[in-house]
Amino acid sequence: MSGIALITGASKGIGRSIALRLSHDGYRVALNDIPSQLPRLAELQTEISKNGREATICVGDVSQESDVERIVKDITTKFGGLDVMVANAGICQTKPIVETSTTDFRHLLDVNVIGTYLCYKYAAKQMIAQGRGGRIIGASSLAGKQAWPQLSLYSATKFAIRGLTQAAALEFGKHGITVNAYAPGPVDTDMIRDLRSDMTKLQKEGQAKEADTALGVDTTPEEIAGLVAYLVSKEAGSINGQCVSINKGMFFD
């Protein structure tokens, strides 16, 4: 496989694993994250380069339209186009609804929803202009299919990504562009470890419920990357507008 892929939130966790997998599969990859994550991006770029693959760094904030527009333009100039957009960047928060603020909500909306929307928008504009189709992937969550106590704001943003993904699939399909999202349960990442620490405290206070998978273990970032690798493949051309659960049996659609 060859092509050009942009992965947002690529410095660690799921995004990092996706970047490594797609580069392994032959893609030239563009690695995005916010400026504070530049050292991690540089380490990832070095690792990919040592494996004989090509990677470039594109720092920027996905919640800022000018940043996303610039990133897509820069990648197109450097690599000659864009074939895969993985809108992976996201943030989480655990709070009871009565303790949240509109500032909290707007922050999650800006990164998780507006950021995904901007990635979809500018990737699609470039792919349509190229005329060779493409693959767009978003990051939903189990919390985007089943709400959880203390995750109200996060859950709302992940439900929104499902709707955005379905609408984009309907709009972009005529251009040969498929749009899908992955919806993981607990994944072995820093964000989930921090979340689990917060939830354990809330469980002790009787404000949250335990979350167990049928297989008794968390999904790995590499397993998410494997799903993404399939969704962007030629073989997955008939999969469109889907929010694919990957949670080891924690939740059934």
C-alpha atoms as a PDB file:
ATOM      1  CA  MET A   1       0.000   0.000   0.000  1.00  0.00           C
ATOM      2  CA  SER A   2       1.209   3.516  -0.748  1.00  0.00           C
ATOM      3  CA  GLY A   3      -0.302   6.917  -0.169  1.00  0.00           C
ATOM      4  CA  ILE A   4      -0.247   9.904   2.140  1.00  0.00           C
ATOM      5  CA  ALA A   5      -1.840   9.811   5.588  1.00  0.00           C
ATOM      6  CA  LEU A   6      -2.350  12.509   8.220  1.00  0.00           C
ATOM      7  CA  ILE A   7      -2.843  11.418  11.826  1.00  0.00           C
ATOM      8  CA  THR A   8      -3.877  13.980  14.434  1.00  0.00           C
ATOM      9  CA  GLY A   9      -3.025  13.462  18.084  1.00  0.00           C
ATOM     10  CA  ALA A  10      -0.134  11.312  16.893  1.00  0.00           C
ATOM     11  CA  SER A  11       2.350  11.890  19.707  1.00  0.00           C
ATOM     12  CA  LYS A  12       1.181   9.042  21.937  1.00  0.00           C
ATOM     13  CA  GLY A  13      -1.400   6.351  22.563  1.00  0.00           C
ATOM     14  CA  ILE A  14      -3.746   5.369  19.758  1.00  0.00           C
ATOM     15  CA  GLY A  15      -2.513   8.060  17.374  1.00  0.00           C
ATOM     16  CA  ARG A  16       1.096   6.958  17.728  1.00  0.00           C
ATOM     17  CA  SER A  17       0.193   3.334  17.048  1.00  0.00           C
ATOM     18  CA  ILE A  18      -1.846   4.302  13.989  1.00  0.00           C
ATOM     19  CA  ALA A  19       1.069   6.327  12.608  1.00  0.00           C
ATOM     20  CA  LEU A  20       3.462   3.417  13.117  1.00  0.00           C
ATOM     21  CA  ARG A  21       1.067   0.938  11.510  1.00  0.00           C
ATOM     22  CA  LEU A  22       0.272   3.057   8.461  1.00  0.00           C
ATOM     23  CA  SER A  23       3.945   3.855   7.907  1.00  0.00           C
ATOM     24  CA  HIS A  24       4.710   0.137   8.166  1.00  0.00           C
ATOM     25  CA  ASP A  25       2.027  -0.472   5.536  1.00  0.00           C
ATOM     26  CA  GLY A  26       3.797   1.890   3.151  1.00  0.00           C
ATOM     27  CA  TYR A  27       2.143   5.242   3.727  1.00  0.00           C
ATOM     28  CA  ARG A  28       4.065   8.464   3.984  1.00  0.00           C
ATOM     29  CA  VAL A  29       2.715   9.896   7.213  1.00  0.00           C
ATOM     30  CA  ALA A  30       2.166  13.389   8.570  1.00  0.00           C
ATOM     31  CA  LEU A  31       2.286  13.526  12.360  1.00  0.00           C
ATOM     32  CA  ASN A  32       0.166  16.152  14.079  1.00  0.00           C
ATOM     33  CA  ASP A  33      -0.209  17.268  17.670  1.00  0.00           C
ATOM     34  CA  ILE A  34      -0.127  20.462  19.718  1.00  0.00           C
ATOM     35  CA  PRO A  35       3.191  22.331  20.215  1.00  0.00           C
ATOM     36  CA  SER A  36       3.815  20.928  23.711  1.00  0.00           C
ATOM     37  CA  GLN A  37       4.005  17.445  22.179  1.00  0.00           C
ATOM     38  CA  LEU A  38       6.740  18.323  19.674  1.00  0.00           C
ATOM     39  CA  PRO A  39       9.453  16.278  21.475  1.00  0.00           C
ATOM     40  CA  ARG A  40       7.249  13.169  21.321  1.00  0.00           C
ATOM     41  CA  LEU A  41       6.491  13.802  17.650  1.00  0.00           C
ATOM     42  CA  ALA A  42      10.210  14.122  16.932  1.00  0.00           C
ATOM     43  CA  GLU A  43      10.883  10.786  18.648  1.00  0.00           C
ATOM     44  CA  LEU A  44       8.139   9.145  16.597  1.00  0.00           C
ATOM     45  CA  GLN A  45       9.452  10.661  13.378  1.00  0.00           C
ATOM     46  CA  THR A  46      12.913   9.289  14.169  1.00  0.00           C
ATOM     47  CA  GLU A  47      11.511   5.823  14.852  1.00  0.00           C
ATOM     48  CA  ILE A  48       9.608   5.802  11.568  1.00  0.00           C
ATOM     49  CA  SER A  49      12.660   7.044   9.658  1.00  0.00           C
ATOM     50  CA  LYS A  50      14.830   4.289  11.168  1.00  0.00           C
ATOM     51  CA  ASN A  51      12.344   1.814   9.723  1.00  0.00           C
ATOM     52  CA  GLY A  52      12.978   3.243   6.272  1.00  0.00           C
ATOM     53  CA  ARG A  53       9.708   5.157   6.026  1.00  0.00           C
ATOM     54  CA  GLU A  54       8.983   8.839   5.479  1.00  0.00           C
ATOM     55  CA  ALA A  55       7.319  11.042   8.091  1.00  0.00           C
ATOM     56  CA  THR A  56       6.847  14.754   8.515  1.00  0.00           C
ATOM     57  CA  ILE A  57       5.747  16.762  11.548  1.00  0.00           C
ATOM     58  CA  CYS A  58       2.899  19.270  11.332  1.00  0.00           C
ATOM     59  CA  VAL A  59       2.292  20.979  14.662  1.00  0.00           C
ATOM     60  CA  GLY A  60      -1.077  22.614  15.184  1.00  0.00           C
ATOM     61  CA  ASP A  61      -4.301  22.759  17.173  1.00  0.00           C
ATOM     62  CA  VAL A  62      -7.170  20.903  15.499  1.00  0.00           C
ATOM     63  CA  SER A  63      -9.703  23.177  17.194  1.00  0.00           C
ATOM     64  CA  GLN A  64      -8.336  26.137  15.212  1.00  0.00           C
ATOM     65  CA  GLU A  65      -9.579  26.319  11.639  1.00  0.00           C
ATOM     66  CA  SER A  66      -6.533  28.199  10.354  1.00  0.00           C
ATOM     67  CA  ASP A  67      -4.247  25.501  11.779  1.00  0.00           C
ATOM     68  CA  VAL A  68      -6.131  22.629  10.156  1.00  0.00           C
ATOM     69  CA  GLU A  69      -6.322  24.416   6.804  1.00  0.00           C
ATOM     70  CA  ARG A  70      -2.581  25.138   6.964  1.00  0.00           C
ATOM     71  CA  ILE A  71      -1.680  21.574   7.945  1.00  0.00           C
ATOM     72  CA  VAL A  72      -3.582  20.044   5.032  1.00  0.00           C
ATOM     73  CA  LYS A  73      -2.071  22.582   2.640  1.00  0.00           C
ATOM     74  CA  ASP A  74       1.465  21.950   3.915  1.00  0.00           C
ATOM     75  CA  ILE A  75       1.096  18.174   3.612  1.00  0.00           C
ATOM     76  CA  THR A  76      -0.264  18.504   0.096  1.00  0.00           C
ATOM     77  CA  THR A  77       2.658  20.718  -0.881  1.00  0.00           C
ATOM     78  CA  LYS A  78       5.268  18.405   0.652  1.00  0.00           C
ATOM     79  CA  PHE A  79       3.881  15.006  -0.321  1.00  0.00           C
ATOM     80  CA  GLY A  80       1.715  15.829  -3.333  1.00  0.00           C
ATOM     81  CA  GLY A  81      -1.712  15.104  -1.892  1.00  0.00           C
ATOM     82  CA  LEU A  82      -3.682  13.481   0.906  1.00  0.00           C
ATOM     83  CA  ASP A  83      -5.255  10.026   0.788  1.00  0.00           C
ATOM     84  CA  VAL A  84      -6.047   9.240   4.419  1.00  0.00           C
ATOM     85  CA  MET A  85      -7.156  11.523   7.243  1.00  0.00           C
ATOM     86  CA  VAL A  86      -7.281  10.032  10.744  1.00  0.00           C
ATOM     87  CA  ALA A  87      -8.945  12.587  13.029  1.00  0.00           C
ATOM     88  CA  ASN A  88      -7.734  10.949  16.221  1.00  0.00           C
ATOM     89  CA  ALA A  89      -7.039  13.927  18.510  1.00  0.00           C
ATOM     90  CA  GLY A  90      -9.310  14.134  21.536  1.00  0.00           C
ATOM     91  CA  ILE A  91      -9.527  14.939  25.225  1.00  0.00           C
ATOM     92  CA  CYS A  92     -11.551  13.595  28.155  1.00  0.00           C
ATOM     93  CA  GLN A  93     -12.893  14.828  31.484  1.00  0.00           C
ATOM     94  CA  THR A  94     -14.566  13.126  34.447  1.00  0.00           C
ATOM     95  CA  LYS A  95     -17.002  15.225  36.476  1.00  0.00           C
ATOM     96  CA  PRO A  96     -20.594  14.987  37.651  1.00  0.00           C
ATOM     97  CA  ILE A  97     -22.842  17.144  35.470  1.00  0.00           C
ATOM     98  CA  VAL A  98     -23.663  19.469  38.365  1.00  0.00           C
ATOM     99  CA  GLU A  99     -19.962  20.229  38.824  1.00  0.00           C
ATOM    100  CA  THR A 100     -19.223  20.972  35.163  1.00  0.00           C
ATOM    101  CA  SER A 101     -19.195  24.396  33.549  1.00  0.00           C
ATOM    102  CA  THR A 102     -19.882  25.753  30.104  1.00  0.00           C
ATOM    103  CA  THR A 103     -16.132  26.381  29.897  1.00  0.00           C
ATOM    104  CA  ASP A 104     -15.532  22.659  30.446  1.00  0.00           C
ATOM    105  CA  PHE A 105     -18.072  21.754  27.782  1.00  0.00           C
ATOM    106  CA  ARG A 106     -16.787  24.237  25.216  1.00  0.00           C
ATOM    107  CA  HIS A 107     -13.234  22.947  25.652  1.00  0.00           C
ATOM    108  CA  LEU A 108     -14.282  19.361  24.931  1.00  0.00           C
ATOM    109  CA  LEU A 109     -16.518  20.465  22.062  1.00  0.00           C
ATOM    110  CA  ASP A 110     -13.722  22.534  20.521  1.00  0.00           C
ATOM    111  CA  VAL A 111     -11.219  19.677  20.446  1.00  0.00           C
ATOM    112  CA  ASN A 112     -13.397  16.598  20.012  1.00  0.00           C
ATOM    113  CA  VAL A 113     -16.207  17.880  17.792  1.00  0.00           C
ATOM    114  CA  ILE A 114     -15.001  21.059  16.084  1.00  0.00           C
ATOM    115  CA  GLY A 115     -11.572  19.483  15.633  1.00  0.00           C
ATOM    116  CA  THR A 116     -13.053  16.416  13.962  1.00  0.00           C
ATOM    117  CA  TYR A 117     -15.364  18.550  11.809  1.00  0.00           C
ATOM    118  CA  LEU A 118     -12.435  20.674  10.598  1.00  0.00           C
ATOM    119  CA  CYS A 119     -10.350  17.606   9.799  1.00  0.00           C
ATOM    120  CA  TYR A 120     -13.223  16.075   7.842  1.00  0.00           C
ATOM    121  CA  LYS A 121     -13.909  19.354   6.035  1.00  0.00           C
ATOM    122  CA  TYR A 122     -10.401  20.190   4.872  1.00  0.00           C
ATOM    123  CA  ALA A 123      -9.403  16.607   4.130  1.00  0.00           C
ATOM    124  CA  ALA A 124     -12.522  16.198   1.996  1.00  0.00           C
ATOM    125  CA  LYS A 125     -11.905  19.447   0.124  1.00  0.00           C
ATOM    126  CA  GLN A 126      -8.411  18.279  -0.773  1.00  0.00           C
ATOM    127  CA  MET A 127      -9.502  14.755  -1.687  1.00  0.00           C
ATOM    128  CA  ILE A 128     -12.344  16.041  -3.856  1.00  0.00           C
ATOM    129  CA  ALA A 129      -9.946  18.386  -5.660  1.00  0.00           C
ATOM    130  CA  GLN A 130      -7.543  15.498  -6.285  1.00  0.00           C
ATOM    131  CA  GLY A 131     -10.276  13.331  -7.783  1.00  0.00           C
ATOM    132  CA  ARG A 132      -8.843  10.019  -6.601  1.00  0.00           C
ATOM    133  CA  GLY A 133     -11.086   9.285  -3.629  1.00  0.00           C
ATOM    134  CA  GLY A 134      -9.826   8.821  -0.102  1.00  0.00           C
ATOM    135  CA  ARG A 135     -10.422   7.554   3.395  1.00  0.00           C
ATOM    136  CA  ILE A 136     -11.468   9.644   6.392  1.00  0.00           C
ATOM    137  CA  ILE A 137     -11.481   8.115   9.873  1.00  0.00           C
ATOM    138  CA  GLY A 138     -12.822   9.657  13.079  1.00  0.00           C
ATOM    139  CA  ALA A 139     -12.460   8.729  16.736  1.00  0.00           C
ATOM    140  CA  SER A 140     -15.703   8.004  18.536  1.00  0.00           C
ATOM    141  CA  SER A 141     -15.904   5.812  21.644  1.00  0.00           C
ATOM    142  CA  LEU A 142     -17.948   3.255  23.508  1.00  0.00           C
ATOM    143  CA  ALA A 143     -19.079   6.383  25.377  1.00  0.00           C
ATOM    144  CA  GLY A 144     -20.450   7.575  22.034  1.00  0.00           C
ATOM    145  CA  LYS A 145     -22.836   4.605  21.976  1.00  0.00           C
ATOM    146  CA  GLN A 146     -23.610   4.170  25.664  1.00  0.00           C
ATOM    147  CA  ALA A 147     -23.438   7.052  28.127  1.00  0.00           C
ATOM    148  CA  TRP A 148     -21.550   6.677  31.396  1.00  0.00           C
ATOM    149  CA  PRO A 149     -21.897   8.549  34.693  1.00  0.00           C
ATOM    150  CA  GLN A 150     -19.261  11.247  35.147  1.00  0.00           C
ATOM    151  CA  LEU A 151     -18.498  11.212  31.419  1.00  0.00           C
ATOM    152  CA  SER A 152     -21.483  13.266  30.278  1.00  0.00           C
ATOM    153  CA  LEU A 153     -19.594  15.941  28.354  1.00  0.00           C
ATOM    154  CA  TYR A 154     -17.120  13.524  26.789  1.00  0.00           C
ATOM    155  CA  SER A 155     -19.957  11.159  25.888  1.00  0.00           C
ATOM    156  CA  ALA A 156     -21.911  13.953  24.208  1.00  0.00           C
ATOM    157  CA  THR A 157     -18.931  14.840  22.016  1.00  0.00           C
ATOM    158  CA  LYS A 158     -18.422  11.232  20.968  1.00  0.00           C
ATOM    159  CA  PHE A 159     -22.115  10.816  20.105  1.00  0.00           C
ATOM    160  CA  ALA A 160     -21.716  13.926  17.934  1.00  0.00           C
ATOM    161  CA  ILE A 161     -18.853  12.335  16.020  1.00  0.00           C
ATOM    162  CA  ARG A 162     -21.126   9.437  15.039  1.00  0.00           C
ATOM    163  CA  GLY A 163     -23.641  11.834  13.483  1.00  0.00           C
ATOM    164  CA  LEU A 164     -20.938  13.836  11.751  1.00  0.00           C
ATOM    165  CA  THR A 165     -19.403  10.661  10.353  1.00  0.00           C
ATOM    166  CA  GLN A 166     -22.706   9.418   8.937  1.00  0.00           C
ATOM    167  CA  ALA A 167     -23.527  12.753   7.301  1.00  0.00           C
ATOM    168  CA  ALA A 168     -20.028  13.092   5.852  1.00  0.00           C
ATOM    169  CA  ALA A 169     -20.228   9.567   4.436  1.00  0.00           C
ATOM    170  CA  LEU A 170     -23.439  10.466   2.613  1.00  0.00           C
ATOM    171  CA  GLU A 171     -22.009  13.721   1.258  1.00  0.00           C
ATOM    172  CA  PHE A 172     -18.550  12.518   0.248  1.00  0.00           C
ATOM    173  CA  GLY A 173     -19.423   9.076  -1.106  1.00  0.00           C
ATOM    174  CA  LYS A 174     -20.053  10.308  -4.639  1.00  0.00           C
ATOM    175  CA  HIS A 175     -16.413  11.414  -4.720  1.00  0.00           C
ATOM    176  CA  GLY A 176     -15.108   7.966  -3.810  1.00  0.00           C
ATOM    177  CA  ILE A 177     -14.376   9.006  -0.228  1.00  0.00           C
ATOM    178  CA  THR A 178     -15.444   6.748   2.619  1.00  0.00           C
ATOM    179  CA  VAL A 179     -15.907   8.082   6.145  1.00  0.00           C
ATOM    180  CA  ASN A 180     -15.921   5.827   9.190  1.00  0.00           C
ATOM    181  CA  ALA A 181     -15.056   6.007  12.877  1.00  0.00           C
ATOM    182  CA  TYR A 182     -13.680   3.620  15.460  1.00  0.00           C
ATOM    183  CA  ALA A 183     -15.420   3.305  18.832  1.00  0.00           C
ATOM    184  CA  PRO A 184     -13.121   1.708  21.406  1.00  0.00           C
ATOM    185  CA  GLY A 185     -13.847   0.743  24.966  1.00  0.00           C
ATOM    186  CA  PRO A 186     -10.999   0.995  27.484  1.00  0.00           C
ATOM    187  CA  VAL A 187      -7.638   1.139  25.714  1.00  0.00           C
ATOM    188  CA  ASP A 188      -4.259   0.769  27.392  1.00  0.00           C
ATOM    189  CA  THR A 189      -3.170   4.416  27.074  1.00  0.00           C
ATOM    190  CA  ASP A 190      -2.105   7.235  29.397  1.00  0.00           C
ATOM    191  CA  MET A 191      -5.506   8.895  28.993  1.00  0.00           C
ATOM    192  CA  ILE A 192      -7.396   5.769  30.041  1.00  0.00           C
ATOM    193  CA  ARG A 193      -5.062   5.170  32.970  1.00  0.00           C
ATOM    194  CA  ASP A 194      -5.731   8.717  34.193  1.00  0.00           C
ATOM    195  CA  LEU A 195      -9.450   8.266  33.570  1.00  0.00           C
ATOM    196  CA  ARG A 196      -9.494   4.959  35.419  1.00  0.00           C
ATOM    197  CA  SER A 197      -7.793   6.581  38.417  1.00  0.00           C
ATOM    198  CA  ASP A 198     -10.481   9.270  38.504  1.00  0.00           C
ATOM    199  CA  MET A 199     -13.270   6.713  38.081  1.00  0.00           C
ATOM    200  CA  THR A 200     -11.905   4.500  40.868  1.00  0.00           C
ATOM    201  CA  LYS A 201     -12.178   7.428  43.249  1.00  0.00           C
ATOM    202  CA  LEU A 202     -15.735   8.103  42.097  1.00  0.00           C
ATOM    203  CA  GLN A 203     -16.664   4.419  42.439  1.00  0.00           C
ATOM    204  CA  LYS A 204     -15.564   4.503  46.050  1.00  0.00           C
ATOM    205  CA  GLU A 205     -17.865   7.480  46.514  1.00  0.00           C
ATOM    206  CA  GLY A 206     -20.719   5.593  44.811  1.00  0.00           C
ATOM    207  CA  GLN A 207     -20.831   8.015  41.869  1.00  0.00           C
ATOM    208  CA  ALA A 208     -19.618   5.739  39.070  1.00  0.00           C
ATOM    209  CA  LYS A 209     -19.871   2.142  37.901  1.00  0.00           C
ATOM    210  CA  GLU A 210     -17.137  -0.367  37.136  1.00  0.00           C
ATOM    211  CA  ALA A 211     -16.266  -1.092  33.530  1.00  0.00           C
ATOM    212  CA  ASP A 212     -15.239  -4.646  32.656  1.00  0.00           C
ATOM    213  CA  THR A 213     -14.762  -6.275  29.260  1.00  0.00           C
ATOM    214  CA  ALA A 214     -16.022  -9.762  28.443  1.00  0.00           C
ATOM    215  CA  LEU A 215     -12.441 -10.833  27.726  1.00  0.00           C
ATOM    216  CA  GLY A 216     -11.155  -9.329  30.959  1.00  0.00           C
ATOM    217  CA  VAL A 217      -8.464  -7.162  29.354  1.00  0.00           C
ATOM    218  CA  ASP A 218      -8.268  -3.755  27.693  1.00  0.00           C
ATOM    219  CA  THR A 219      -7.929  -3.227  23.966  1.00  0.00           C
ATOM    220  CA  THR A 220      -4.417  -2.227  22.905  1.00  0.00           C
ATOM    221  CA  PRO A 221      -3.546   0.799  20.756  1.00  0.00           C
ATOM    222  CA  GLU A 222      -2.074  -1.627  18.232  1.00  0.00           C
ATOM    223  CA  GLU A 223      -5.453  -3.335  17.872  1.00  0.00           C
ATOM    224  CA  ILE A 224      -7.091   0.014  17.114  1.00  0.00           C
ATOM    225  CA  ALA A 225      -4.351   0.669  14.570  1.00  0.00           C
ATOM    226  CA  GLY A 226      -5.087  -2.684  12.946  1.00  0.00           C
ATOM    227  CA  LEU A 227      -8.738  -1.740  12.540  1.00  0.00           C
ATOM    228  CA  VAL A 228      -7.797   1.615  11.027  1.00  0.00           C
ATOM    229  CA  ALA A 229      -5.357  -0.086   8.651  1.00  0.00           C
ATOM    230  CA  TYR A 230      -8.235  -2.215   7.375  1.00  0.00           C
ATOM    231  CA  LEU A 231     -10.706   0.663   7.124  1.00  0.00           C
ATOM    232  CA  VAL A 232      -8.313   2.646   4.925  1.00  0.00           C
ATOM    233  CA  SER A 233      -7.576  -0.348   2.693  1.00  0.00           C
ATOM    234  CA  LYS A 234      -9.019  -1.039  -0.747  1.00  0.00           C
ATOM    235  CA  GLU A 235     -10.751  -4.124   0.671  1.00  0.00           C
ATOM    236  CA  ALA A 236     -12.842  -1.932   2.993  1.00  0.00           C
ATOM    237  CA  GLY A 237     -14.307   0.127   0.171  1.00  0.00           C
ATOM    238  CA  SER A 238     -17.873  -0.984   0.952  1.00  0.00           C
ATOM    239  CA  ILE A 239     -17.661   0.071   4.603  1.00  0.00           C
ATOM    240  CA  ASN A 240     -18.965   3.616   4.846  1.00  0.00           C
ATOM    241  CA  GLY A 241     -20.669   5.714   7.509  1.00  0.00           C
ATOM    242  CA  GLN A 242     -19.967   3.156  10.215  1.00  0.00           C
ATOM    243  CA  CYS A 243     -18.888   3.624  13.808  1.00  0.00           C
ATOM    244  CA  VAL A 244     -17.077   0.360  14.444  1.00  0.00           C
ATOM    245  CA  SER A 245     -17.070  -0.998  17.993  1.00  0.00           C
ATOM    246  CA  ILE A 246     -13.797  -2.460  19.230  1.00  0.00           C
ATOM    247  CA  ASN A 247     -14.133  -3.185  22.946  1.00  0.00           C
ATOM    248  CA  LYS A 248     -13.515  -6.902  23.637  1.00  0.00           C
ATOM    249  CA  GLY A 249     -17.196  -7.527  24.332  1.00  0.00           C
ATOM    250  CA  MET A 250     -17.782  -4.747  26.836  1.00  0.00           C
ATOM    251  CA  PHE A 251     -20.746  -3.457  24.808  1.00  0.00           C
ATOM    252  CA  PHE A 252     -22.807  -5.021  22.013  1.00  0.00           C
ATOM    253  CA  ASP A 253     -24.345  -2.886  19.246  1.00  0.00           C
END
